[in-house]
Amino acid sequence: MSTFQKDERIFDAKIDKSTAVSMVQEYLSHPNRLTLGDGQTLKALVVDSDDISALVDLDAKAYMVLFSVSDKDVGKEPSEQRFTTILAAIDQDDKIVTTELRNKFKPCPSDCHNYSEVFEAE
């Protein structure tokens, strides 16, 4: 397992489509990719723009994506739990804004838009 120094960056501010396609294809074939309870690969999480807008209105300096178990699955056996994420704003004092945590995501493969057309075609 990799660990990162506090200021180490593993991303670029903007990437082109071909870079995104190779990154996604590498993830899809990775043995440790995230899977859903039925064994399908979790390809993406779609966030509603209203939820993003609510966080943008907080004058955040950054946003954090936290990995979690779905609130509907807390307390269930691990084999019955689904993973999701929580989106949080980071304020100007480097604190997580806990009054506006968001967890309204639609998982892909159930809601993928044109994902396959963009990232799996070749």
PDB file of N, CA and C in Angstrom:
ATOM      1  N   MET A   1       0.840  -1.173   0.000  1.00  0.00           N
ATOM      2  CA  MET A   1       0.000   0.000   0.000  1.00  0.00           C
ATOM      3  C   MET A   1       0.888   1.240   0.000  1.00  0.00           C
ATOM      4  N   SER A   2       0.526   2.204  -0.818  1.00  0.00           N
ATOM      5  CA  SER A   2       1.288   3.440  -0.911  1.00  0.00           C
ATOM      6  C   SER A   2       0.888   4.407   0.193  1.00  0.00           C
ATOM      7  N   THR A   3       1.864   5.166   0.643  1.00  0.00           N
ATOM      8  CA  THR A   3       1.571   6.263   1.545  1.00  0.00           C
ATOM      9  C   THR A   3       2.135   7.520   0.918  1.00  0.00           C
ATOM     10  N   PHE A   4       1.539   8.657   1.199  1.00  0.00           N
ATOM     11  CA  PHE A   4       1.959   9.900   0.590  1.00  0.00           C
ATOM     12  C   PHE A   4       2.358  10.896   1.656  1.00  0.00           C
ATOM     13  N   GLN A   5       3.389  11.678   1.350  1.00  0.00           N
ATOM     14  CA  GLN A   5       3.774  12.764   2.234  1.00  0.00           C
ATOM     15  C   GLN A   5       2.652  13.795   2.231  1.00  0.00           C
ATOM     16  N   LYS A   6       2.584  14.595   3.263  1.00  0.00           N
ATOM     17  CA  LYS A   6       1.484  15.555   3.421  1.00  0.00           C
ATOM     18  C   LYS A   6       1.277  16.417   2.180  1.00  0.00           C
ATOM     19  N   ASP A   7       2.319  16.921   1.565  1.00  0.00           N
ATOM     20  CA  ASP A   7       2.180  17.830   0.441  1.00  0.00           C
ATOM     21  C   ASP A   7       2.381  17.160  -0.918  1.00  0.00           C
ATOM     22  N   GLU A   8       2.548  15.849  -0.932  1.00  0.00           N
ATOM     23  CA  GLU A   8       2.758  15.150  -2.196  1.00  0.00           C
ATOM     24  C   GLU A   8       1.463  15.139  -3.007  1.00  0.00           C
ATOM     25  N   ARG A   9       1.559  15.464  -4.279  1.00  0.00           N
ATOM     26  CA  ARG A   9       0.390  15.510  -5.147  1.00  0.00           C
ATOM     27  C   ARG A   9       0.425  14.317  -6.100  1.00  0.00           C
ATOM     28  N   ILE A  10      -0.735  13.682  -6.275  1.00  0.00           N
ATOM     29  CA  ILE A  10      -0.802  12.570  -7.215  1.00  0.00           C
ATOM     30  C   ILE A  10      -1.732  12.922  -8.367  1.00  0.00           C
ATOM     31  N   PHE A  11      -1.982  14.199  -8.568  1.00  0.00           N
ATOM     32  CA  PHE A  11      -2.896  14.632  -9.600  1.00  0.00           C
ATOM     33  C   PHE A  11      -2.371  15.896 -10.265  1.00  0.00           C
ATOM     34  N   ASP A  12      -2.912  16.187 -11.427  1.00  0.00           N
ATOM     35  CA  ASP A  12      -2.652  17.434 -12.125  1.00  0.00           C
ATOM     36  C   ASP A  12      -3.934  18.249 -12.104  1.00  0.00           C
ATOM     37  N   ALA A  13      -3.824  19.539 -12.267  1.00  0.00           N
ATOM     38  CA  ALA A  13      -5.004  20.387 -12.231  1.00  0.00           C
ATOM     39  C   ALA A  13      -5.957  20.066 -13.380  1.00  0.00           C
ATOM     40  N   LYS A  14      -5.434  19.832 -14.561  1.00  0.00           N
ATOM     41  CA  LYS A  14      -6.276  19.541 -15.712  1.00  0.00           C
ATOM     42  C   LYS A  14      -5.563  18.492 -16.548  1.00  0.00           C
ATOM     43  N   ILE A  15      -6.334  17.540 -17.061  1.00  0.00           N
ATOM     44  CA  ILE A  15      -5.765  16.511 -17.926  1.00  0.00           C
ATOM     45  C   ILE A  15      -6.578  16.448 -19.205  1.00  0.00           C
ATOM     46  N   ASP A  16      -5.982  15.883 -20.240  1.00  0.00           N
ATOM     47  CA  ASP A  16      -6.715  15.746 -21.500  1.00  0.00           C
ATOM     48  C   ASP A  16      -7.466  14.412 -21.518  1.00  0.00           C
ATOM     49  N   LYS A  17      -8.324  14.272 -22.514  1.00  0.00           N
ATOM     50  CA  LYS A  17      -9.171  13.083 -22.584  1.00  0.00           C
ATOM     51  C   LYS A  17      -8.352  11.804 -22.687  1.00  0.00           C
ATOM     52  N   SER A  18      -7.312  11.785 -23.493  1.00  0.00           N
ATOM     53  CA  SER A  18      -6.542  10.543 -23.663  1.00  0.00           C
ATOM     54  C   SER A  18      -5.886  10.115 -22.349  1.00  0.00           C
ATOM     55  N   THR A  19      -5.435  11.081 -21.554  1.00  0.00           N
ATOM     56  CA  THR A  19      -4.868  10.759 -20.241  1.00  0.00           C
ATOM     57  C   THR A  19      -5.951  10.182 -19.337  1.00  0.00           C
ATOM     58  N   ALA A  20      -7.138  10.812 -19.338  1.00  0.00           N
ATOM     59  CA  ALA A  20      -8.245  10.314 -18.521  1.00  0.00           C
ATOM     60  C   ALA A  20      -8.634   8.901 -18.926  1.00  0.00           C
ATOM     61  N   VAL A  21      -8.690   8.646 -20.235  1.00  0.00           N
ATOM     62  CA  VAL A  21      -9.059   7.307 -20.722  1.00  0.00           C
ATOM     63  C   VAL A  21      -8.054   6.277 -20.235  1.00  0.00           C
ATOM     64  N   SER A  22      -6.744   6.564 -20.354  1.00  0.00           N
ATOM     65  CA  SER A  22      -5.767   5.567 -19.889  1.00  0.00           C
ATOM     66  C   SER A  22      -5.813   5.373 -18.386  1.00  0.00           C
ATOM     67  N   MET A  23      -6.073   6.439 -17.637  1.00  0.00           N
ATOM     68  CA  MET A  23      -6.177   6.313 -16.183  1.00  0.00           C
ATOM     69  C   MET A  23      -7.374   5.445 -15.807  1.00  0.00           C
ATOM     70  N   VAL A  24      -8.525   5.683 -16.450  1.00  0.00           N
ATOM     71  CA  VAL A  24      -9.733   4.913 -16.157  1.00  0.00           C
ATOM     72  C   VAL A  24      -9.558   3.457 -16.570  1.00  0.00           C
ATOM     73  N   GLN A  25      -9.012   3.219 -17.741  1.00  0.00           N
ATOM     74  CA  GLN A  25      -8.821   1.839 -18.198  1.00  0.00           C
ATOM     75  C   GLN A  25      -7.875   1.079 -17.273  1.00  0.00           C
ATOM     76  N   GLU A  26      -6.858   1.754 -16.768  1.00  0.00           N
ATOM     77  CA  GLU A  26      -5.932   1.126 -15.813  1.00  0.00           C
ATOM     78  C   GLU A  26      -6.676   0.753 -14.531  1.00  0.00           C
ATOM     79  N   TYR A  27      -7.525   1.655 -14.049  1.00  0.00           N
ATOM     80  CA  TYR A  27      -8.332   1.377 -12.854  1.00  0.00           C
ATOM     81  C   TYR A  27      -9.256   0.192 -13.089  1.00  0.00           C
ATOM     82  N   LEU A  28      -9.944   0.176 -14.235  1.00  0.00           N
ATOM     83  CA  LEU A  28     -10.907  -0.896 -14.519  1.00  0.00           C
ATOM     84  C   LEU A  28     -10.261  -2.275 -14.551  1.00  0.00           C
ATOM     85  N   SER A  29      -8.991  -2.336 -14.893  1.00  0.00           N
ATOM     86  CA  SER A  29      -8.309  -3.633 -14.948  1.00  0.00           C
ATOM     87  C   SER A  29      -7.500  -3.927 -13.684  1.00  0.00           C
ATOM     88  N   HIS A  30      -7.499  -3.006 -12.738  1.00  0.00           N
ATOM     89  CA  HIS A  30      -6.716  -3.170 -11.514  1.00  0.00           C
ATOM     90  C   HIS A  30      -7.360  -4.212 -10.601  1.00  0.00           C
ATOM     91  N   PRO A  31      -6.576  -5.138 -10.038  1.00  0.00           N
ATOM     92  CA  PRO A  31      -7.157  -6.167  -9.169  1.00  0.00           C
ATOM     93  C   PRO A  31      -7.780  -5.605  -7.885  1.00  0.00           C
ATOM     94  N   ASN A  32      -7.388  -4.406  -7.468  1.00  0.00           N
ATOM     95  CA  ASN A  32      -7.928  -3.817  -6.250  1.00  0.00           C
ATOM     96  C   ASN A  32      -8.974  -2.729  -6.514  1.00  0.00           C
ATOM     97  N   ARG A  33      -9.554  -2.727  -7.715  1.00  0.00           N
ATOM     98  CA  ARG A  33     -10.591  -1.728  -8.017  1.00  0.00           C
ATOM     99  C   ARG A  33     -11.779  -1.937  -7.076  1.00  0.00           C
ATOM    100  N   LEU A  34     -12.554  -0.899  -6.871  1.00  0.00           N
ATOM    101  CA  LEU A  34     -13.723  -0.974  -5.986  1.00  0.00           C
ATOM    102  C   LEU A  34     -14.841  -1.738  -6.672  1.00  0.00           C
ATOM    103  N   THR A  35     -15.459  -2.643  -5.937  1.00  0.00           N
ATOM    104  CA  THR A  35     -16.569  -3.407  -6.492  1.00  0.00           C
ATOM    105  C   THR A  35     -17.809  -3.231  -5.625  1.00  0.00           C
ATOM    106  N   LEU A  36     -18.953  -3.425  -6.246  1.00  0.00           N
ATOM    107  CA  LEU A  36     -20.225  -3.363  -5.551  1.00  0.00           C
ATOM    108  C   LEU A  36     -20.556  -4.739  -5.003  1.00  0.00           C
ATOM    109  N   GLY A  37     -21.593  -4.842  -4.205  1.00  0.00           N
ATOM    110  CA  GLY A  37     -21.976  -6.112  -3.593  1.00  0.00           C
ATOM    111  C   GLY A  37     -22.225  -7.215  -4.597  1.00  0.00           C
ATOM    112  N   ASP A  38     -22.662  -6.861  -5.811  1.00  0.00           N
ATOM    113  CA  ASP A  38     -22.935  -7.870  -6.829  1.00  0.00           C
ATOM    114  C   ASP A  38     -21.709  -8.183  -7.684  1.00  0.00           C
ATOM    115  N   GLY A  39     -20.549  -7.627  -7.309  1.00  0.00           N
ATOM    116  CA  GLY A  39     -19.309  -7.908  -8.018  1.00  0.00           C
ATOM    117  C   GLY A  39     -19.002  -6.957  -9.161  1.00  0.00           C
ATOM    118  N   GLN A  40     -19.936  -6.085  -9.528  1.00  0.00           N
ATOM    119  CA  GLN A  40     -19.671  -5.121 -10.592  1.00  0.00           C
ATOM    120  C   GLN A  40     -18.686  -4.066 -10.105  1.00  0.00           C
ATOM    121  N   THR A  41     -17.873  -3.555 -11.014  1.00  0.00           N
ATOM    122  CA  THR A  41     -16.914  -2.511 -10.674  1.00  0.00           C
ATOM    123  C   THR A  41     -17.616  -1.182 -10.472  1.00  0.00           C
ATOM    124  N   LEU A  42     -17.279  -0.492  -9.394  1.00  0.00           N
ATOM    125  CA  LEU A  42     -17.767   0.865  -9.182  1.00  0.00           C
ATOM    126  C   LEU A  42     -16.943   1.773 -10.088  1.00  0.00           C
ATOM    127  N   LYS A  43     -17.587   2.309 -11.102  1.00  0.00           N
ATOM    128  CA  LYS A  43     -16.888   3.104 -12.110  1.00  0.00           C
ATOM    129  C   LYS A  43     -16.858   4.583 -11.765  1.00  0.00           C
ATOM    130  N   ALA A  44     -17.904   5.068 -11.135  1.00  0.00           N
ATOM    131  CA  ALA A  44     -17.989   6.499 -10.839  1.00  0.00           C
ATOM    132  C   ALA A  44     -19.112   6.737  -9.843  1.00  0.00           C
ATOM    133  N   LEU A  45     -19.137   7.934  -9.310  1.00  0.00           N
ATOM    134  CA  LEU A  45     -20.252   8.408  -8.503  1.00  0.00           C
ATOM    135  C   LEU A  45     -20.691   9.736  -9.095  1.00  0.00           C
ATOM    136  N   VAL A  46     -21.951   9.854  -9.410  1.00  0.00           N
ATOM    137  CA  VAL A  46     -22.486  11.068 -10.004  1.00  0.00           C
ATOM    138  C   VAL A  46     -23.028  11.950  -8.881  1.00  0.00           C
ATOM    139  N   VAL A  47     -22.633  13.211  -8.873  1.00  0.00           N
ATOM    140  CA  VAL A  47     -23.043  14.163  -7.853  1.00  0.00           C
ATOM    141  C   VAL A  47     -24.001  15.173  -8.480  1.00  0.00           C
ATOM    142  N   ASP A  48     -25.114  15.414  -7.825  1.00  0.00           N
ATOM    143  CA  ASP A  48     -26.085  16.393  -8.294  1.00  0.00           C
ATOM    144  C   ASP A  48     -25.489  17.802  -8.188  1.00  0.00           C
ATOM    145  N   SER A  49     -25.715  18.627  -9.188  1.00  0.00           N
ATOM    146  CA  SER A  49     -25.130  19.973  -9.195  1.00  0.00           C
ATOM    147  C   SER A  49     -25.629  20.836  -8.029  1.00  0.00           C
ATOM    148  N   ASP A  50     -26.846  20.600  -7.538  1.00  0.00           N
ATOM    149  CA  ASP A  50     -27.337  21.365  -6.390  1.00  0.00           C
ATOM    150  C   ASP A  50     -26.491  21.102  -5.146  1.00  0.00           C
ATOM    151  N   ASP A  51     -26.020  19.871  -4.993  1.00  0.00           N
ATOM    152  CA  ASP A  51     -25.173  19.548  -3.841  1.00  0.00           C
ATOM    153  C   ASP A  51     -23.807  20.215  -3.961  1.00  0.00           C
ATOM    154  N   ILE A  52     -23.282  20.273  -5.176  1.00  0.00           N
ATOM    155  CA  ILE A  52     -22.007  20.971  -5.393  1.00  0.00           C
ATOM    156  C   ILE A  52     -22.192  22.462  -5.106  1.00  0.00           C
ATOM    157  N   SER A  53     -23.283  23.034  -5.614  1.00  0.00           N
ATOM    158  CA  SER A  53     -23.546  24.472  -5.410  1.00  0.00           C
ATOM    159  C   SER A  53     -23.639  24.820  -3.931  1.00  0.00           C
ATOM    160  N   ALA A  54     -24.271  23.953  -3.138  1.00  0.00           N
ATOM    161  CA  ALA A  54     -24.394  24.213  -1.700  1.00  0.00           C
ATOM    162  C   ALA A  54     -23.021  24.301  -1.047  1.00  0.00           C
ATOM    163  N   LEU A  55     -22.092  23.479  -1.500  1.00  0.00           N
ATOM    164  CA  LEU A  55     -20.746  23.510  -0.925  1.00  0.00           C
ATOM    165  C   LEU A  55     -19.952  24.705  -1.451  1.00  0.00           C
ATOM    166  N   VAL A  56     -20.147  25.053  -2.715  1.00  0.00           N
ATOM    167  CA  VAL A  56     -19.448  26.206  -3.289  1.00  0.00           C
ATOM    168  C   VAL A  56     -19.869  27.476  -2.564  1.00  0.00           C
ATOM    169  N   ASP A  57     -21.136  27.566  -2.174  1.00  0.00           N
ATOM    170  CA  ASP A  57     -21.646  28.743  -1.466  1.00  0.00           C
ATOM    171  C   ASP A  57     -20.992  28.937  -0.102  1.00  0.00           C
ATOM    172  N   LEU A  58     -20.265  27.951   0.393  1.00  0.00           N
ATOM    173  CA  LEU A  58     -19.639  28.048   1.714  1.00  0.00           C
ATOM    174  C   LEU A  58     -18.301  28.784   1.703  1.00  0.00           C
ATOM    175  N   ASP A  59     -17.873  29.274   0.540  1.00  0.00           N
ATOM    176  CA  ASP A  59     -16.575  29.939   0.408  1.00  0.00           C
ATOM    177  C   ASP A  59     -15.450  29.003   0.861  1.00  0.00           C
ATOM    178  N   ALA A  60     -15.526  27.778   0.384  1.00  0.00           N
ATOM    179  CA  ALA A  60     -14.527  26.771   0.761  1.00  0.00           C
ATOM    180  C   ALA A  60     -13.220  27.016   0.024  1.00  0.00           C
ATOM    181  N   LYS A  61     -12.131  26.612   0.652  1.00  0.00           N
ATOM    182  CA  LYS A  61     -10.834  26.699  -0.019  1.00  0.00           C
ATOM    183  C   LYS A  61     -10.486  25.377  -0.704  1.00  0.00           C
ATOM    184  N   ALA A  62     -11.195  24.307  -0.314  1.00  0.00           N
ATOM    185  CA  ALA A  62     -10.961  22.999  -0.921  1.00  0.00           C
ATOM    186  C   ALA A  62     -12.165  22.105  -0.610  1.00  0.00           C
ATOM    187  N   TYR A  63     -12.171  20.943  -1.218  1.00  0.00           N
ATOM    188  CA  TYR A  63     -13.227  19.955  -0.988  1.00  0.00           C
ATOM    189  C   TYR A  63     -12.577  18.612  -0.712  1.00  0.00           C
ATOM    190  N   MET A  64     -13.219  17.831   0.135  1.00  0.00           N
ATOM    191  CA  MET A  64     -12.686  16.528   0.505  1.00  0.00           C
ATOM    192  C   MET A  64     -13.703  15.456   0.153  1.00  0.00           C
ATOM    193  N   VAL A  65     -13.221  14.365  -0.417  1.00  0.00           N
ATOM    194  CA  VAL A  65     -14.054  13.203  -0.692  1.00  0.00           C
ATOM    195  C   VAL A  65     -13.646  12.129   0.315  1.00  0.00           C
ATOM    196  N   LEU A  66     -14.599  11.740   1.168  1.00  0.00           N
ATOM    197  CA  LEU A  66     -14.339  10.730   2.190  1.00  0.00           C
ATOM    198  C   LEU A  66     -14.972   9.417   1.748  1.00  0.00           C
ATOM    199  N   PHE A  67     -14.277   8.327   1.881  1.00  0.00           N
ATOM    200  CA  PHE A  67     -14.808   7.012   1.548  1.00  0.00           C
ATOM    201  C   PHE A  67     -15.557   6.472   2.753  1.00  0.00           C
ATOM    202  N   SER A  68     -16.702   5.835   2.502  1.00  0.00           N
ATOM    203  CA  SER A  68     -17.519   5.366   3.611  1.00  0.00           C
ATOM    204  C   SER A  68     -18.392   4.190   3.195  1.00  0.00           C
ATOM    205  N   VAL A  69     -19.041   3.601   4.174  1.00  0.00           N
ATOM    206  CA  VAL A  69     -20.074   2.593   3.938  1.00  0.00           C
ATOM    207  C   VAL A  69     -21.400   3.347   3.882  1.00  0.00           C
ATOM    208  N   SER A  70     -22.302   2.933   3.011  1.00  0.00           N
ATOM    209  CA  SER A  70     -23.607   3.571   2.907  1.00  0.00           C
ATOM    210  C   SER A  70     -24.298   3.590   4.265  1.00  0.00           C
ATOM    211  N   ASP A  71     -24.965   4.709   4.586  1.00  0.00           N
ATOM    212  CA  ASP A  71     -25.651   4.799   5.877  1.00  0.00           C
ATOM    213  C   ASP A  71     -26.740   3.741   6.013  1.00  0.00           C
ATOM    214  N   LYS A  72     -27.273   3.256   4.909  1.00  0.00           N
ATOM    215  CA  LYS A  72     -28.293   2.199   4.944  1.00  0.00           C
ATOM    216  C   LYS A  72     -27.692   0.834   5.275  1.00  0.00           C
ATOM    217  N   ASP A  73     -26.354   0.742   5.199  1.00  0.00           N
ATOM    218  CA  ASP A  73     -25.686  -0.540   5.413  1.00  0.00           C
ATOM    219  C   ASP A  73     -24.831  -0.588   6.681  1.00  0.00           C
ATOM    220  N   VAL A  74     -24.776   0.499   7.434  1.00  0.00           N
ATOM    221  CA  VAL A  74     -23.995   0.518   8.675  1.00  0.00           C
ATOM    222  C   VAL A  74     -24.559  -0.540   9.620  1.00  0.00           C
ATOM    223  N   GLY A  75     -23.685  -1.362  10.164  1.00  0.00           N
ATOM    224  CA  GLY A  75     -24.104  -2.415  11.087  1.00  0.00           C
ATOM    225  C   GLY A  75     -24.361  -3.753  10.417  1.00  0.00           C
ATOM    226  N   LYS A  76     -24.449  -3.777   9.088  1.00  0.00           N
ATOM    227  CA  LYS A  76     -24.650  -5.043   8.372  1.00  0.00           C
ATOM    228  C   LYS A  76     -23.325  -5.787   8.263  1.00  0.00           C
ATOM    229  N   GLU A  77     -23.400  -7.040   7.879  1.00  0.00           N
ATOM    230  CA  GLU A  77     -22.188  -7.824   7.620  1.00  0.00           C
ATOM    231  C   GLU A  77     -21.418  -7.169   6.473  1.00  0.00           C
ATOM    232  N   PRO A  78     -20.090  -7.206   6.510  1.00  0.00           N
ATOM    233  CA  PRO A  78     -19.302  -6.583   5.448  1.00  0.00           C
ATOM    234  C   PRO A  78     -19.702  -7.024   4.036  1.00  0.00           C
ATOM    235  N   SER A  79     -20.077  -8.267   3.869  1.00  0.00           N
ATOM    236  CA  SER A  79     -20.454  -8.748   2.533  1.00  0.00           C
ATOM    237  C   SER A  79     -21.755  -8.118   2.035  1.00  0.00           C
ATOM    238  N   GLU A  80     -22.523  -7.502   2.933  1.00  0.00           N
ATOM    239  CA  GLU A  80     -23.797  -6.878   2.575  1.00  0.00           C
ATOM    240  C   GLU A  80     -23.691  -5.349   2.496  1.00  0.00           C
ATOM    241  N   GLN A  81     -22.517  -4.809   2.768  1.00  0.00           N
ATOM    242  CA  GLN A  81     -22.352  -3.363   2.779  1.00  0.00           C
ATOM    243  C   GLN A  81     -21.929  -2.835   1.411  1.00  0.00           C
ATOM    244  N   ARG A  82     -22.433  -1.639   1.086  1.00  0.00           N
ATOM    245  CA  ARG A  82     -22.039  -0.945  -0.137  1.00  0.00           C
ATOM    246  C   ARG A  82     -21.199   0.265   0.254  1.00  0.00           C
ATOM    247  N   PHE A  83     -20.213   0.570  -0.586  1.00  0.00           N
ATOM    248  CA  PHE A  83     -19.369   1.729  -0.346  1.00  0.00           C
ATOM    249  C   PHE A  83     -19.952   2.950  -1.034  1.00  0.00           C
ATOM    250  N   THR A  84     -19.684   4.096  -0.457  1.00  0.00           N
ATOM    251  CA  THR A  84     -20.062   5.363  -1.056  1.00  0.00           C
ATOM    252  C   THR A  84     -19.022   6.398  -0.648  1.00  0.00           C
ATOM    253  N   THR A  85     -19.306   7.641  -0.905  1.00  0.00           N
ATOM    254  CA  THR A  85     -18.419   8.720  -0.484  1.00  0.00           C
ATOM    255  C   THR A  85     -19.240   9.822   0.169  1.00  0.00           C
ATOM    256  N   ILE A  86     -18.561  10.637   0.917  1.00  0.00           N
ATOM    257  CA  ILE A  86     -19.141  11.830   1.520  1.00  0.00           C
ATOM    258  C   ILE A  86     -18.336  13.007   0.976  1.00  0.00           C
ATOM    259  N   LEU A  87     -19.015  14.023   0.522  1.00  0.00           N
ATOM    260  CA  LEU A  87     -18.357  15.214  -0.001  1.00  0.00           C
ATOM    261  C   LEU A  87     -18.443  16.310   1.051  1.00  0.00           C
ATOM    262  N   ALA A  88     -17.296  16.899   1.376  1.00  0.00           N
ATOM    263  CA  ALA A  88     -17.244  17.930   2.406  1.00  0.00           C
ATOM    264  C   ALA A  88     -16.438  19.119   1.916  1.00  0.00           C
ATOM    265  N   ALA A  89     -16.775  20.276   2.422  1.00  0.00           N
ATOM    266  CA  ALA A  89     -16.013  21.488   2.140  1.00  0.00           C
ATOM    267  C   ALA A  89     -14.953  21.664   3.221  1.00  0.00           C
ATOM    268  N   ILE A  90     -13.833  22.271   2.833  1.00  0.00           N
ATOM    269  CA  ILE A  90     -12.767  22.635   3.767  1.00  0.00           C
ATOM    270  C   ILE A  90     -12.771  24.165   3.845  1.00  0.00           C
ATOM    271  N   ASP A  91     -12.923  24.709   5.052  1.00  0.00           N
ATOM    272  CA  ASP A  91     -13.028  26.164   5.178  1.00  0.00           C
ATOM    273  C   ASP A  91     -11.651  26.837   5.158  1.00  0.00           C
ATOM    274  N   GLN A  92     -11.657  28.143   5.276  1.00  0.00           N
ATOM    275  CA  GLN A  92     -10.420  28.931   5.198  1.00  0.00           C
ATOM    276  C   GLN A  92      -9.461  28.649   6.359  1.00  0.00           C
ATOM    277  N   ASP A  93      -9.955  28.017   7.433  1.00  0.00           N
ATOM    278  CA  ASP A  93      -9.114  27.646   8.580  1.00  0.00           C
ATOM    279  C   ASP A  93      -8.668  26.189   8.509  1.00  0.00           C
ATOM    280  N   ASP A  94      -8.811  25.562   7.324  1.00  0.00           N
ATOM    281  CA  ASP A  94      -8.439  24.156   7.104  1.00  0.00           C
ATOM    282  C   ASP A  94      -9.262  23.181   7.938  1.00  0.00           C
ATOM    283  N   LYS A  95     -10.499  23.512   8.216  1.00  0.00           N
ATOM    284  CA  LYS A  95     -11.400  22.647   8.980  1.00  0.00           C
ATOM    285  C   LYS A  95     -12.495  22.115   8.067  1.00  0.00           C
ATOM    286  N   ILE A  96     -12.898  20.875   8.311  1.00  0.00           N
ATOM    287  CA  ILE A  96     -14.008  20.286   7.564  1.00  0.00           C
ATOM    288  C   ILE A  96     -15.300  20.941   8.036  1.00  0.00           C
ATOM    289  N   VAL A  97     -16.110  21.430   7.095  1.00  0.00           N
ATOM    290  CA  VAL A  97     -17.390  22.049   7.427  1.00  0.00           C
ATOM    291  C   VAL A  97     -18.397  20.924   7.642  1.00  0.00           C
ATOM    292  N   THR A  98     -18.751  20.679   8.893  1.00  0.00           N
ATOM    293  CA  THR A  98     -19.602  19.530   9.220  1.00  0.00           C
ATOM    294  C   THR A  98     -21.091  19.837   9.122  1.00  0.00           C
ATOM    295  N   THR A  99     -21.451  21.085   8.851  1.00  0.00           N
ATOM    296  CA  THR A  99     -22.872  21.435   8.730  1.00  0.00           C
ATOM    297  C   THR A  99     -23.412  21.189   7.328  1.00  0.00           C
ATOM    298  N   GLU A 100     -22.531  20.915   6.372  1.00  0.00           N
ATOM    299  CA  GLU A 100     -22.964  20.715   4.982  1.00  0.00           C
ATOM    300  C   GLU A 100     -22.278  19.497   4.361  1.00  0.00           C
ATOM    301  N   LEU A 101     -22.359  18.363   5.009  1.00  0.00           N
ATOM    302  CA  LEU A 101     -21.803  17.134   4.447  1.00  0.00           C
ATOM    303  C   LEU A 101     -22.806  16.566   3.453  1.00  0.00           C
ATOM    304  N   ARG A 102     -22.334  16.090   2.314  1.00  0.00           N
ATOM    305  CA  ARG A 102     -23.219  15.600   1.265  1.00  0.00           C
ATOM    306  C   ARG A 102     -22.937  14.133   0.950  1.00  0.00           C
ATOM    307  N   ASN A 103     -24.015  13.363   0.790  1.00  0.00           N
ATOM    308  CA  ASN A 103     -23.875  11.948   0.460  1.00  0.00           C
ATOM    309  C   ASN A 103     -24.942  11.512  -0.546  1.00  0.00           C
ATOM    310  N   LYS A 104     -25.330  12.376  -1.429  1.00  0.00           N
ATOM    311  CA  LYS A 104     -26.350  12.033  -2.412  1.00  0.00           C
ATOM    312  C   LYS A 104     -25.662  11.741  -3.742  1.00  0.00           C
ATOM    313  N   PHE A 105     -25.152  10.535  -3.874  1.00  0.00           N
ATOM    314  CA  PHE A 105     -24.429  10.130  -5.074  1.00  0.00           C
ATOM    315  C   PHE A 105     -25.189   9.016  -5.771  1.00  0.00           C
ATOM    316  N   LYS A 106     -25.095   8.986  -7.072  1.00  0.00           N
ATOM    317  CA  LYS A 106     -25.685   7.902  -7.847  1.00  0.00           C
ATOM    318  C   LYS A 106     -24.524   7.051  -8.363  1.00  0.00           C
ATOM    319  N   PRO A 107     -24.492   5.769  -7.998  1.00  0.00           N
ATOM    320  CA  PRO A 107     -23.359   4.946  -8.428  1.00  0.00           C
ATOM    321  C   PRO A 107     -23.475   4.535  -9.891  1.00  0.00           C
ATOM    322  N   CYS A 108     -22.354   4.526 -10.559  1.00  0.00           N
ATOM    323  CA  CYS A 108     -22.240   3.954 -11.886  1.00  0.00           C
ATOM    324  C   CYS A 108     -21.619   2.587 -11.637  1.00  0.00           C
ATOM    325  N   PRO A 109     -22.287   1.507 -11.922  1.00  0.00           N
ATOM    326  CA  PRO A 109     -22.938   1.189 -13.171  1.00  0.00           C
ATOM    327  C   PRO A 109     -24.439   1.445 -13.265  1.00  0.00           C
ATOM    328  N   SER A 110     -25.143   1.812 -12.237  1.00  0.00           N
ATOM    329  CA  SER A 110     -26.580   2.008 -12.414  1.00  0.00           C
ATOM    330  C   SER A 110     -26.902   3.339 -13.090  1.00  0.00           C
ATOM    331  N   ASP A 111     -26.055   4.344 -12.976  1.00  0.00           N
ATOM    332  CA  ASP A 111     -26.272   5.630 -13.623  1.00  0.00           C
ATOM    333  C   ASP A 111     -24.943   6.085 -14.223  1.00  0.00           C
ATOM    334  N   CYS A 112     -24.708   5.717 -15.484  1.00  0.00           N
ATOM    335  CA  CYS A 112     -23.387   5.946 -16.081  1.00  0.00           C
ATOM    336  C   CYS A 112     -23.342   6.966 -17.211  1.00  0.00           C
ATOM    337  N   HIS A 113     -24.480   7.503 -17.597  1.00  0.00           N
ATOM    338  CA  HIS A 113     -24.520   8.443 -18.717  1.00  0.00           C
ATOM    339  C   HIS A 113     -23.817   7.804 -19.920  1.00  0.00           C
ATOM    340  N   ASN A 114     -22.841   8.458 -20.530  1.00  0.00           N
ATOM    341  CA  ASN A 114     -22.142   7.864 -21.675  1.00  0.00           C
ATOM    342  C   ASN A 114     -20.732   7.389 -21.300  1.00  0.00           C
ATOM    343  N   TYR A 115     -20.566   6.904 -20.094  1.00  0.00           N
ATOM    344  CA  TYR A 115     -19.281   6.435 -19.564  1.00  0.00           C
ATOM    345  C   TYR A 115     -18.612   5.429 -20.498  1.00  0.00           C
ATOM    346  N   SER A 116     -19.347   4.377 -20.884  1.00  0.00           N
ATOM    347  CA  SER A 116     -18.762   3.328 -21.715  1.00  0.00           C
ATOM    348  C   SER A 116     -18.296   3.877 -23.053  1.00  0.00           C
ATOM    349  N   GLU A 117     -19.071   4.767 -23.609  1.00  0.00           N
ATOM    350  CA  GLU A 117     -18.731   5.367 -24.900  1.00  0.00           C
ATOM    351  C   GLU A 117     -17.417   6.145 -24.819  1.00  0.00           C
ATOM    352  N   VAL A 118     -17.203   6.839 -23.720  1.00  0.00           N
ATOM    353  CA  VAL A 118     -16.013   7.677 -23.564  1.00  0.00           C
ATOM    354  C   VAL A 118     -14.805   6.887 -23.086  1.00  0.00           C
ATOM    355  N   PHE A 119     -14.987   6.049 -22.065  1.00  0.00           N
ATOM    356  CA  PHE A 119     -13.835   5.440 -21.414  1.00  0.00           C
ATOM    357  C   PHE A 119     -13.560   3.986 -21.746  1.00  0.00           C
ATOM    358  N   GLU A 120     -14.539   3.272 -22.290  1.00  0.00           N
ATOM    359  CA  GLU A 120     -14.327   1.847 -22.543  1.00  0.00           C
ATOM    360  C   GLU A 120     -14.256   1.518 -24.033  1.00  0.00           C
ATOM    361  N   ALA A 121     -14.533   2.471 -24.885  1.00  0.00           N
ATOM    362  CA  ALA A 121     -14.477   2.231 -26.337  1.00  0.00           C
ATOM    363  C   ALA A 121     -13.026   2.220 -26.799  1.00  0.00           C
ATOM    364  N   GLU A 122     -12.730   1.408 -27.702  1.00  0.00           N
ATOM    365  CA  GLU A 122     -11.401   1.339 -28.330  1.00  0.00           C
ATOM    366  C   GLU A 122     -11.347   0.079 -29.142  1.00  0.00           C
TER     367      GLU A 122
END
